[in-house]
Amino acid sequence: MLNDESQPKGNQVALSDQQQAGSAPRKRTRINSKPRRDKGKKLMTTRDRIVLLWIAQQYATRLDQVQALLSRMPGKGGRLVSPTGLTLSAVLQVVARWVELGLVIYDRGDADEPGWVHLTSLGLRKLGLPYAPLTPAASSHQHLFHINRVRLDLERRHPTYQWTSERTLRAALPRRAEGVTVPHLPDAQVWTPKLVAVEVERSPKSPGELDAILTELLIVGVPAESGEAPLLSTTIWYFVRSNTRAAIEAARSRLPEEYRTRVKIYSLETLRPFEQEG
């Protein structure tokens, strides 16, 4: 039980004044507030908004990567997440709530691989995003998975770097007349604060195609918003597999000498420079 000292002092003074005046204490008036319109409804949390924005920017995100995203943020009531992260069961509960709210579609995919999450048109509207609704093809999942790996690793090691996804770059392009060639867009741009283009190269490209990409990113520039000068990347980070490394190295060697050191080649497996790159 609470003793008298636990009561607010202001109430004690008010009661004393009333007793001295010889009048009975007034009864407190209960505020008859209407029930909240959203009572009982599932709502988006701050963590939901941050993680869903990340997923939308990347087109889609594999379930284990959603698990990594949710695990690096406080949970309900600001509780810290366990050092081992959220369990898969807890992540599936969050995703099920998003599905129930109509914010995402969860594609369970094959039994031997984690499923994929992407936003619905409602989810994009709720976040106020300019992206056109899109269901990524299953054939694009591996490419998206590795781009997401690069971003997660970069955000862990360099939290101050600013990542701009290819989807965001595409949404910012001005409308183009039919037949006009769309410029090459990297898989992402990173401000370090210098501008870096990120490319994840899983499949070989022709020498001519690679030459055009390197020239556009480093020498000509990627078109910016209307009226602004094209964006020139100071560096390109290429994340390559063993079957694409030689082609990128050859394309780099064909650049004018002053540009060659600006193409950095990393292992897609380790996300680190090859030993020769240093």
C-alpha atoms as a PDB file:
ATOM      1  CA  MET A   1       0.000   0.000   0.000  1.00  0.00           C
ATOM      2  CA  LEU A   2       1.087   3.570  -0.633  1.00  0.00           C
ATOM      3  CA  ASN A   3       1.607   5.751   2.435  1.00  0.00           C
ATOM      4  CA  ASP A   4       0.655   9.419   2.582  1.00  0.00           C
ATOM      5  CA  GLU A   5       4.139  10.504   1.535  1.00  0.00           C
ATOM      6  CA  SER A   6       3.694   8.781  -1.792  1.00  0.00           C
ATOM      7  CA  GLN A   7       0.797  11.045  -2.764  1.00  0.00           C
ATOM      8  CA  PRO A   8       1.590  14.142  -4.884  1.00  0.00           C
ATOM      9  CA  LYS A   9       2.170  17.163  -2.683  1.00  0.00           C
ATOM     10  CA  GLY A  10      -0.168  19.307  -4.769  1.00  0.00           C
ATOM     11  CA  ASN A  11      -3.076  17.031  -3.829  1.00  0.00           C
ATOM     12  CA  GLN A  12      -2.170  17.269  -0.136  1.00  0.00           C
ATOM     13  CA  VAL A  13      -2.302  21.067  -0.211  1.00  0.00           C
ATOM     14  CA  ALA A  14      -5.618  21.093  -2.076  1.00  0.00           C
ATOM     15  CA  LEU A  15      -7.180  18.682   0.408  1.00  0.00           C
ATOM     16  CA  SER A  16      -5.950  20.736   3.345  1.00  0.00           C
ATOM     17  CA  ASP A  17      -7.435  23.944   1.922  1.00  0.00           C
ATOM     18  CA  GLN A  18     -10.822  22.269   1.456  1.00  0.00           C
ATOM     19  CA  GLN A  19     -10.880  20.889   4.992  1.00  0.00           C
ATOM     20  CA  GLN A  20      -9.997  24.290   6.465  1.00  0.00           C
ATOM     21  CA  ALA A  21     -12.911  25.831   4.536  1.00  0.00           C
ATOM     22  CA  GLY A  22     -15.256  23.259   6.062  1.00  0.00           C
ATOM     23  CA  SER A  23     -16.342  21.849   2.685  1.00  0.00           C
ATOM     24  CA  ALA A  24     -16.278  18.270   1.525  1.00  0.00           C
ATOM     25  CA  PRO A  25     -13.525  17.297  -0.905  1.00  0.00           C
ATOM     26  CA  ARG A  26     -14.586  17.454  -4.523  1.00  0.00           C
ATOM     27  CA  LYS A  27     -14.783  14.217  -6.402  1.00  0.00           C
ATOM     28  CA  ARG A  28     -12.392  13.890  -9.272  1.00  0.00           C
ATOM     29  CA  THR A  29     -14.094  14.104 -12.625  1.00  0.00           C
ATOM     30  CA  ARG A  30     -13.314  11.129 -14.826  1.00  0.00           C
ATOM     31  CA  ILE A  31     -12.434  12.080 -18.357  1.00  0.00           C
ATOM     32  CA  ASN A  32     -14.707  10.138 -20.634  1.00  0.00           C
ATOM     33  CA  SER A  33     -12.309   9.644 -23.529  1.00  0.00           C
ATOM     34  CA  LYS A  34     -13.436   7.797 -26.611  1.00  0.00           C
ATOM     35  CA  PRO A  35     -11.603   4.573 -27.427  1.00  0.00           C
ATOM     36  CA  ARG A  36      -8.828   4.944 -29.991  1.00  0.00           C
ATOM     37  CA  ARG A  37      -9.989   4.225 -33.518  1.00  0.00           C
ATOM     38  CA  ASP A  38      -6.932   2.009 -34.043  1.00  0.00           C
ATOM     39  CA  LYS A  39      -7.457   0.048 -30.825  1.00  0.00           C
ATOM     40  CA  GLY A  40      -6.831  -3.631 -31.479  1.00  0.00           C
ATOM     41  CA  LYS A  41      -5.376  -2.996 -34.897  1.00  0.00           C
ATOM     42  CA  LYS A  42      -1.851  -3.995 -35.853  1.00  0.00           C
ATOM     43  CA  LEU A  43       0.195  -0.890 -36.627  1.00  0.00           C
ATOM     44  CA  MET A  44       3.569  -0.252 -38.219  1.00  0.00           C
ATOM     45  CA  THR A  45       6.355   0.367 -35.727  1.00  0.00           C
ATOM     46  CA  THR A  46       9.394   2.559 -36.239  1.00  0.00           C
ATOM     47  CA  ARG A  47      11.457  -0.576 -36.781  1.00  0.00           C
ATOM     48  CA  ASP A  48       8.953  -1.802 -39.358  1.00  0.00           C
ATOM     49  CA  ARG A  49       9.263   1.440 -41.320  1.00  0.00           C
ATOM     50  CA  ILE A  50      13.068   1.389 -41.328  1.00  0.00           C
ATOM     51  CA  VAL A  51      13.349  -2.272 -42.343  1.00  0.00           C
ATOM     52  CA  LEU A  52      10.559  -2.065 -44.931  1.00  0.00           C
ATOM     53  CA  LEU A  53      12.209   0.995 -46.480  1.00  0.00           C
ATOM     54  CA  TRP A  54      15.475  -0.965 -46.778  1.00  0.00           C
ATOM     55  CA  ILE A  55      13.660  -3.881 -48.417  1.00  0.00           C
ATOM     56  CA  ALA A  56      11.838  -1.597 -50.853  1.00  0.00           C
ATOM     57  CA  GLN A  57      15.034   0.171 -51.862  1.00  0.00           C
ATOM     58  CA  GLN A  58      16.608  -3.181 -52.733  1.00  0.00           C
ATOM     59  CA  TYR A  59      13.549  -4.485 -54.640  1.00  0.00           C
ATOM     60  CA  ALA A  60      13.388  -7.602 -52.453  1.00  0.00           C
ATOM     61  CA  THR A  61      15.250  -9.190 -49.551  1.00  0.00           C
ATOM     62  CA  ARG A  62      15.824 -12.817 -48.616  1.00  0.00           C
ATOM     63  CA  LEU A  63      14.428 -13.957 -45.271  1.00  0.00           C
ATOM     64  CA  ASP A  64      17.827 -14.498 -43.622  1.00  0.00           C
ATOM     65  CA  GLN A  65      18.759 -10.938 -44.615  1.00  0.00           C
ATOM     66  CA  VAL A  66      15.480  -9.647 -43.166  1.00  0.00           C
ATOM     67  CA  GLN A  67      16.530 -11.486 -40.007  1.00  0.00           C
ATOM     68  CA  ALA A  68      19.847  -9.591 -40.016  1.00  0.00           C
ATOM     69  CA  LEU A  69      18.057  -6.265 -40.490  1.00  0.00           C
ATOM     70  CA  LEU A  70      15.575  -6.842 -37.673  1.00  0.00           C
ATOM     71  CA  SER A  71      18.317  -8.130 -35.377  1.00  0.00           C
ATOM     72  CA  ARG A  72      20.300  -4.903 -35.500  1.00  0.00           C
ATOM     73  CA  MET A  73      17.431  -2.803 -34.104  1.00  0.00           C
ATOM     74  CA  PRO A  74      15.659  -2.735 -30.712  1.00  0.00           C
ATOM     75  CA  GLY A  75      12.448  -4.684 -30.493  1.00  0.00           C
ATOM     76  CA  LYS A  76       9.091  -3.957 -28.858  1.00  0.00           C
ATOM     77  CA  GLY A  77       9.349  -1.519 -25.985  1.00  0.00           C
ATOM     78  CA  GLY A  78      12.944  -0.692 -26.919  1.00  0.00           C
ATOM     79  CA  ARG A  79      14.210  -4.027 -25.631  1.00  0.00           C
ATOM     80  CA  LEU A  80      17.672  -4.903 -26.886  1.00  0.00           C
ATOM     81  CA  VAL A  81      17.946  -7.830 -29.232  1.00  0.00           C
ATOM     82  CA  SER A  82      19.916 -10.852 -28.048  1.00  0.00           C
ATOM     83  CA  PRO A  83      23.592 -10.901 -29.144  1.00  0.00           C
ATOM     84  CA  THR A  84      22.704 -13.883 -31.318  1.00  0.00           C
ATOM     85  CA  GLY A  85      19.941 -11.890 -33.021  1.00  0.00           C
ATOM     86  CA  LEU A  86      16.267 -12.638 -33.520  1.00  0.00           C
ATOM     87  CA  THR A  87      15.256 -16.244 -33.927  1.00  0.00           C
ATOM     88  CA  LEU A  88      13.824 -17.326 -37.262  1.00  0.00           C
ATOM     89  CA  SER A  89      10.494 -17.935 -35.527  1.00  0.00           C
ATOM     90  CA  ALA A  90      10.395 -14.331 -34.301  1.00  0.00           C
ATOM     91  CA  VAL A  91      11.274 -13.034 -37.764  1.00  0.00           C
ATOM     92  CA  LEU A  92       8.498 -15.099 -39.353  1.00  0.00           C
ATOM     93  CA  GLN A  93       6.038 -13.586 -36.858  1.00  0.00           C
ATOM     94  CA  VAL A  94       7.062 -10.079 -37.934  1.00  0.00           C
ATOM     95  CA  VAL A  95       6.789 -10.980 -41.619  1.00  0.00           C
ATOM     96  CA  ALA A  96       3.372 -12.591 -41.009  1.00  0.00           C
ATOM     97  CA  ARG A  97       2.186  -9.328 -39.425  1.00  0.00           C
ATOM     98  CA  TRP A  98       3.432  -7.371 -42.458  1.00  0.00           C
ATOM     99  CA  VAL A  99       1.565  -9.782 -44.731  1.00  0.00           C
ATOM    100  CA  GLU A 100      -1.600  -9.404 -42.634  1.00  0.00           C
ATOM    101  CA  LEU A 101      -1.326  -5.611 -42.947  1.00  0.00           C
ATOM    102  CA  GLY A 102      -1.025  -5.973 -46.720  1.00  0.00           C
ATOM    103  CA  LEU A 103       2.428  -4.370 -46.745  1.00  0.00           C
ATOM    104  CA  VAL A 104       4.480  -7.213 -48.211  1.00  0.00           C
ATOM    105  CA  ILE A 105       4.324 -10.435 -50.137  1.00  0.00           C
ATOM    106  CA  TYR A 106       6.292 -13.335 -48.723  1.00  0.00           C
ATOM    107  CA  ASP A 107       7.390 -15.802 -51.382  1.00  0.00           C
ATOM    108  CA  ARG A 108       8.412 -19.013 -49.622  1.00  0.00           C
ATOM    109  CA  GLY A 109      10.232 -20.247 -52.711  1.00  0.00           C
ATOM    110  CA  ASP A 110      11.960 -23.620 -52.702  1.00  0.00           C
ATOM    111  CA  ALA A 111      11.970 -25.796 -49.616  1.00  0.00           C
ATOM    112  CA  ASP A 112      15.788 -25.804 -49.396  1.00  0.00           C
ATOM    113  CA  GLU A 113      16.213 -21.999 -49.562  1.00  0.00           C
ATOM    114  CA  PRO A 114      14.916 -19.078 -47.481  1.00  0.00           C
ATOM    115  CA  GLY A 115      11.908 -17.198 -48.839  1.00  0.00           C
ATOM    116  CA  TRP A 116      11.844 -13.650 -50.207  1.00  0.00           C
ATOM    117  CA  VAL A 117      10.034 -10.501 -49.069  1.00  0.00           C
ATOM    118  CA  HIS A 118       9.015  -7.577 -51.274  1.00  0.00           C
ATOM    119  CA  LEU A 119       6.618  -4.689 -50.760  1.00  0.00           C
ATOM    120  CA  THR A 120       3.130  -4.450 -52.206  1.00  0.00           C
ATOM    121  CA  SER A 121       1.751  -1.302 -53.841  1.00  0.00           C
ATOM    122  CA  LEU A 122       0.028  -0.571 -50.508  1.00  0.00           C
ATOM    123  CA  GLY A 123       3.321  -0.951 -48.646  1.00  0.00           C
ATOM    124  CA  LEU A 124       5.039   1.452 -51.044  1.00  0.00           C
ATOM    125  CA  ARG A 125       2.211   3.999 -50.612  1.00  0.00           C
ATOM    126  CA  LYS A 126       2.286   3.709 -46.818  1.00  0.00           C
ATOM    127  CA  LEU A 127       5.981   4.616 -46.894  1.00  0.00           C
ATOM    128  CA  GLY A 128       5.450   7.384 -49.449  1.00  0.00           C
ATOM    129  CA  LEU A 129       7.900   5.861 -51.919  1.00  0.00           C
ATOM    130  CA  PRO A 130       8.042   6.792 -55.622  1.00  0.00           C
ATOM    131  CA  TYR A 131       8.752   3.255 -56.825  1.00  0.00           C
ATOM    132  CA  ALA A 132       6.553   1.419 -59.304  1.00  0.00           C
ATOM    133  CA  PRO A 133       5.209  -1.836 -57.821  1.00  0.00           C
ATOM    134  CA  LEU A 134       7.324  -4.775 -58.914  1.00  0.00           C
ATOM    135  CA  THR A 135       7.533  -8.485 -58.190  1.00  0.00           C
ATOM    136  CA  PRO A 136      11.164  -9.452 -58.870  1.00  0.00           C
ATOM    137  CA  ALA A 137      11.563 -12.477 -61.088  1.00  0.00           C
ATOM    138  CA  ALA A 138      12.958 -15.575 -59.414  1.00  0.00           C
ATOM    139  CA  SER A 139      15.860 -15.430 -61.880  1.00  0.00           C
ATOM    140  CA  SER A 140      16.960 -12.103 -60.339  1.00  0.00           C
ATOM    141  CA  HIS A 141      17.035 -13.371 -56.754  1.00  0.00           C
ATOM    142  CA  GLN A 142      20.681 -14.416 -56.716  1.00  0.00           C
ATOM    143  CA  HIS A 143      21.822 -11.062 -58.067  1.00  0.00           C
ATOM    144  CA  LEU A 144      19.691  -9.194 -55.528  1.00  0.00           C
ATOM    145  CA  PHE A 145      20.938 -11.444 -52.725  1.00  0.00           C
ATOM    146  CA  HIS A 146      24.571 -10.539 -53.426  1.00  0.00           C
ATOM    147  CA  ILE A 147      23.850  -6.811 -53.754  1.00  0.00           C
ATOM    148  CA  ASN A 148      22.114  -7.022 -50.375  1.00  0.00           C
ATOM    149  CA  ARG A 149      25.157  -8.828 -48.938  1.00  0.00           C
ATOM    150  CA  VAL A 150      27.388  -5.995 -50.097  1.00  0.00           C
ATOM    151  CA  ARG A 151      25.110  -3.375 -48.551  1.00  0.00           C
ATOM    152  CA  LEU A 152      24.748  -5.189 -45.220  1.00  0.00           C
ATOM    153  CA  ASP A 153      28.513  -5.658 -44.957  1.00  0.00           C
ATOM    154  CA  LEU A 154      29.201  -2.039 -45.900  1.00  0.00           C
ATOM    155  CA  GLU A 155      26.696  -0.673 -43.382  1.00  0.00           C
ATOM    156  CA  ARG A 156      28.229  -2.822 -40.656  1.00  0.00           C
ATOM    157  CA  ARG A 157      31.797  -1.688 -41.360  1.00  0.00           C
ATOM    158  CA  HIS A 158      31.090   1.902 -42.431  1.00  0.00           C
ATOM    159  CA  PRO A 159      27.813   3.081 -40.868  1.00  0.00           C
ATOM    160  CA  THR A 160      28.374   6.689 -41.981  1.00  0.00           C
ATOM    161  CA  TYR A 161      28.485   5.828 -45.694  1.00  0.00           C
ATOM    162  CA  GLN A 162      25.306   6.661 -47.613  1.00  0.00           C
ATOM    163  CA  TRP A 163      23.917   3.979 -49.933  1.00  0.00           C
ATOM    164  CA  THR A 164      21.663   4.864 -52.885  1.00  0.00           C
ATOM    165  CA  SER A 165      20.111   1.825 -54.523  1.00  0.00           C
ATOM    166  CA  GLU A 166      19.654   1.244 -58.236  1.00  0.00           C
ATOM    167  CA  ARG A 167      15.888   1.359 -57.703  1.00  0.00           C
ATOM    168  CA  THR A 168      16.162   4.832 -56.189  1.00  0.00           C
ATOM    169  CA  LEU A 169      18.432   5.997 -59.019  1.00  0.00           C
ATOM    170  CA  ARG A 170      15.970   4.667 -61.592  1.00  0.00           C
ATOM    171  CA  ALA A 171      12.994   6.343 -59.921  1.00  0.00           C
ATOM    172  CA  ALA A 172      14.818   9.701 -60.088  1.00  0.00           C
ATOM    173  CA  LEU A 173      15.429   9.536 -63.845  1.00  0.00           C
ATOM    174  CA  PRO A 174      13.436  12.053 -65.877  1.00  0.00           C
ATOM    175  CA  ARG A 175      10.811  10.723 -68.262  1.00  0.00           C
ATOM    176  CA  ARG A 176      12.288   9.764 -71.605  1.00  0.00           C
ATOM    177  CA  ALA A 177      10.758   9.742 -75.040  1.00  0.00           C
ATOM    178  CA  GLU A 178      10.138   6.358 -76.618  1.00  0.00           C
ATOM    179  CA  GLY A 179      13.263   4.977 -78.245  1.00  0.00           C
ATOM    180  CA  VAL A 180      15.690   7.021 -76.139  1.00  0.00           C
ATOM    181  CA  THR A 181      18.386   4.851 -74.585  1.00  0.00           C
ATOM    182  CA  VAL A 182      18.252   4.566 -70.802  1.00  0.00           C
ATOM    183  CA  PRO A 183      21.671   5.269 -69.254  1.00  0.00           C
ATOM    184  CA  HIS A 184      23.552   2.547 -67.446  1.00  0.00           C
ATOM    185  CA  LEU A 185      22.810   2.590 -63.732  1.00  0.00           C
ATOM    186  CA  PRO A 186      25.163   0.872 -61.285  1.00  0.00           C
ATOM    187  CA  ASP A 187      23.798  -1.562 -58.740  1.00  0.00           C
ATOM    188  CA  ALA A 188      24.241   1.227 -56.194  1.00  0.00           C
ATOM    189  CA  GLN A 189      25.982   4.507 -55.499  1.00  0.00           C
ATOM    190  CA  VAL A 190      27.799   5.017 -52.215  1.00  0.00           C
ATOM    191  CA  TRP A 191      28.813   8.389 -50.822  1.00  0.00           C
ATOM    192  CA  THR A 192      31.934   7.954 -48.683  1.00  0.00           C
ATOM    193  CA  PRO A 193      31.549  11.105 -48.935  1.00  0.00           C
ATOM    194  CA  LYS A 194      33.121  10.755 -52.424  1.00  0.00           C
ATOM    195  CA  LEU A 195      30.885   9.121 -55.015  1.00  0.00           C
ATOM    196  CA  VAL A 196      31.549   5.414 -55.568  1.00  0.00           C
ATOM    197  CA  ALA A 197      29.701   3.196 -58.058  1.00  0.00           C
ATOM    198  CA  VAL A 198      29.000  -0.376 -56.907  1.00  0.00           C
ATOM    199  CA  GLU A 199      28.742  -3.211 -59.422  1.00  0.00           C
ATOM    200  CA  VAL A 200      28.033  -6.862 -58.632  1.00  0.00           C
ATOM    201  CA  GLU A 201      29.250  -8.908 -61.593  1.00  0.00           C
ATOM    202  CA  ARG A 202      27.995 -12.494 -61.580  1.00  0.00           C
ATOM    203  CA  SER A 203      27.734 -13.086 -65.343  1.00  0.00           C
ATOM    204  CA  PRO A 204      30.335 -12.207 -67.986  1.00  0.00           C
ATOM    205  CA  LYS A 205      29.693  -9.204 -70.251  1.00  0.00           C
ATOM    206  CA  SER A 206      31.220  -8.517 -73.648  1.00  0.00           C
ATOM    207  CA  PRO A 207      34.342  -6.316 -73.816  1.00  0.00           C
ATOM    208  CA  GLY A 208      32.375  -3.609 -75.641  1.00  0.00           C
ATOM    209  CA  GLU A 209      29.671  -3.540 -72.976  1.00  0.00           C
ATOM    210  CA  LEU A 210      32.213  -3.321 -70.146  1.00  0.00           C
ATOM    211  CA  ASP A 211      34.145  -0.541 -71.911  1.00  0.00           C
ATOM    212  CA  ALA A 212      30.924   1.458 -72.301  1.00  0.00           C
ATOM    213  CA  ILE A 213      30.017   1.015 -68.617  1.00  0.00           C
ATOM    214  CA  LEU A 214      33.442   2.069 -67.322  1.00  0.00           C
ATOM    215  CA  THR A 215      33.513   5.066 -69.652  1.00  0.00           C
ATOM    216  CA  GLU A 216      30.056   6.207 -68.601  1.00  0.00           C
ATOM    217  CA  LEU A 217      30.676   5.839 -64.875  1.00  0.00           C
ATOM    218  CA  LEU A 218      34.182   7.334 -64.743  1.00  0.00           C
ATOM    219  CA  ILE A 219      34.565   9.669 -67.734  1.00  0.00           C
ATOM    220  CA  VAL A 220      31.189  10.734 -69.161  1.00  0.00           C
ATOM    221  CA  GLY A 221      29.043  10.526 -66.037  1.00  0.00           C
ATOM    222  CA  VAL A 222      25.588   9.210 -65.158  1.00  0.00           C
ATOM    223  CA  PRO A 223      22.754  11.669 -65.914  1.00  0.00           C
ATOM    224  CA  ALA A 224      21.486  13.423 -62.811  1.00  0.00           C
ATOM    225  CA  GLU A 225      18.229  15.279 -62.202  1.00  0.00           C
ATOM    226  CA  SER A 226      17.130  17.831 -64.771  1.00  0.00           C
ATOM    227  CA  GLY A 227      19.489  20.767 -65.057  1.00  0.00           C
ATOM    228  CA  GLU A 228      22.263  19.193 -62.999  1.00  0.00           C
ATOM    229  CA  ALA A 229      25.651  18.055 -64.253  1.00  0.00           C
ATOM    230  CA  PRO A 230      26.158  14.301 -64.791  1.00  0.00           C
ATOM    231  CA  LEU A 231      27.458  12.398 -61.784  1.00  0.00           C
ATOM    232  CA  LEU A 232      31.030  11.179 -62.185  1.00  0.00           C
ATOM    233  CA  SER A 233      32.125   8.356 -59.920  1.00  0.00           C
ATOM    234  CA  THR A 234      35.527   8.780 -58.330  1.00  0.00           C
ATOM    235  CA  THR A 235      35.831   4.999 -57.979  1.00  0.00           C
ATOM    236  CA  ILE A 236      34.065   1.814 -59.052  1.00  0.00           C
ATOM    237  CA  TRP A 237      33.898  -1.134 -56.674  1.00  0.00           C
ATOM    238  CA  TYR A 238      33.495  -4.331 -58.690  1.00  0.00           C
ATOM    239  CA  PHE A 239      32.461  -7.452 -56.766  1.00  0.00           C
ATOM    240  CA  VAL A 240      33.234 -10.380 -59.046  1.00  0.00           C
ATOM    241  CA  ARG A 241      33.172 -14.152 -59.239  1.00  0.00           C
ATOM    242  CA  SER A 242      36.010 -16.239 -60.596  1.00  0.00           C
ATOM    243  CA  ASN A 243      34.295 -16.428 -64.003  1.00  0.00           C
ATOM    244  CA  THR A 244      33.967 -12.631 -64.318  1.00  0.00           C
ATOM    245  CA  ARG A 245      37.212 -11.409 -62.763  1.00  0.00           C
ATOM    246  CA  ALA A 246      39.420 -11.687 -65.847  1.00  0.00           C
ATOM    247  CA  ALA A 247      36.989  -9.711 -68.026  1.00  0.00           C
ATOM    248  CA  ILE A 248      36.842  -6.841 -65.507  1.00  0.00           C
ATOM    249  CA  GLU A 249      40.625  -6.782 -65.164  1.00  0.00           C
ATOM    250  CA  ALA A 250      40.977  -6.662 -68.958  1.00  0.00           C
ATOM    251  CA  ALA A 251      38.437  -3.832 -69.229  1.00  0.00           C
ATOM    252  CA  ARG A 252      40.304  -1.892 -66.557  1.00  0.00           C
ATOM    253  CA  SER A 253      43.569  -2.272 -68.475  1.00  0.00           C
ATOM    254  CA  ARG A 254      41.923  -0.721 -71.560  1.00  0.00           C
ATOM    255  CA  LEU A 255      41.074   2.497 -69.717  1.00  0.00           C
ATOM    256  CA  PRO A 256      43.338   5.555 -70.009  1.00  0.00           C
ATOM    257  CA  GLU A 257      46.111   5.044 -67.468  1.00  0.00           C
ATOM    258  CA  GLU A 258      44.942   7.790 -65.099  1.00  0.00           C
ATOM    259  CA  TYR A 259      41.607   5.980 -64.601  1.00  0.00           C
ATOM    260  CA  ARG A 260      42.836   2.431 -64.007  1.00  0.00           C
ATOM    261  CA  THR A 261      43.528   2.772 -60.285  1.00  0.00           C
ATOM    262  CA  ARG A 262      39.970   3.972 -59.804  1.00  0.00           C
ATOM    263  CA  VAL A 263      38.537   0.537 -60.576  1.00  0.00           C
ATOM    264  CA  LYS A 264      38.759  -1.652 -57.457  1.00  0.00           C
ATOM    265  CA  ILE A 265      38.066  -5.369 -57.803  1.00  0.00           C
ATOM    266  CA  TYR A 266      36.770  -7.437 -54.871  1.00  0.00           C
ATOM    267  CA  SER A 267      35.898 -11.071 -54.340  1.00  0.00           C
ATOM    268  CA  LEU A 268      32.149 -11.641 -54.301  1.00  0.00           C
ATOM    269  CA  GLU A 269      32.715 -14.587 -51.976  1.00  0.00           C
ATOM    270  CA  THR A 270      34.634 -12.697 -49.257  1.00  0.00           C
ATOM    271  CA  LEU A 271      33.619  -9.087 -50.116  1.00  0.00           C
ATOM    272  CA  ARG A 272      37.284  -8.200 -49.666  1.00  0.00           C
ATOM    273  CA  PRO A 273      40.073  -7.275 -52.133  1.00  0.00           C
ATOM    274  CA  PHE A 274      41.931 -10.042 -53.874  1.00  0.00           C
ATOM    275  CA  GLU A 275      45.455 -10.495 -52.519  1.00  0.00           C
ATOM    276  CA  GLN A 276      47.003  -8.872 -55.575  1.00  0.00           C
ATOM    277  CA  GLU A 277      44.706  -5.848 -55.229  1.00  0.00           C
ATOM    278  CA  GLY A 278      45.898  -5.088 -51.686  1.00  0.00           C
END
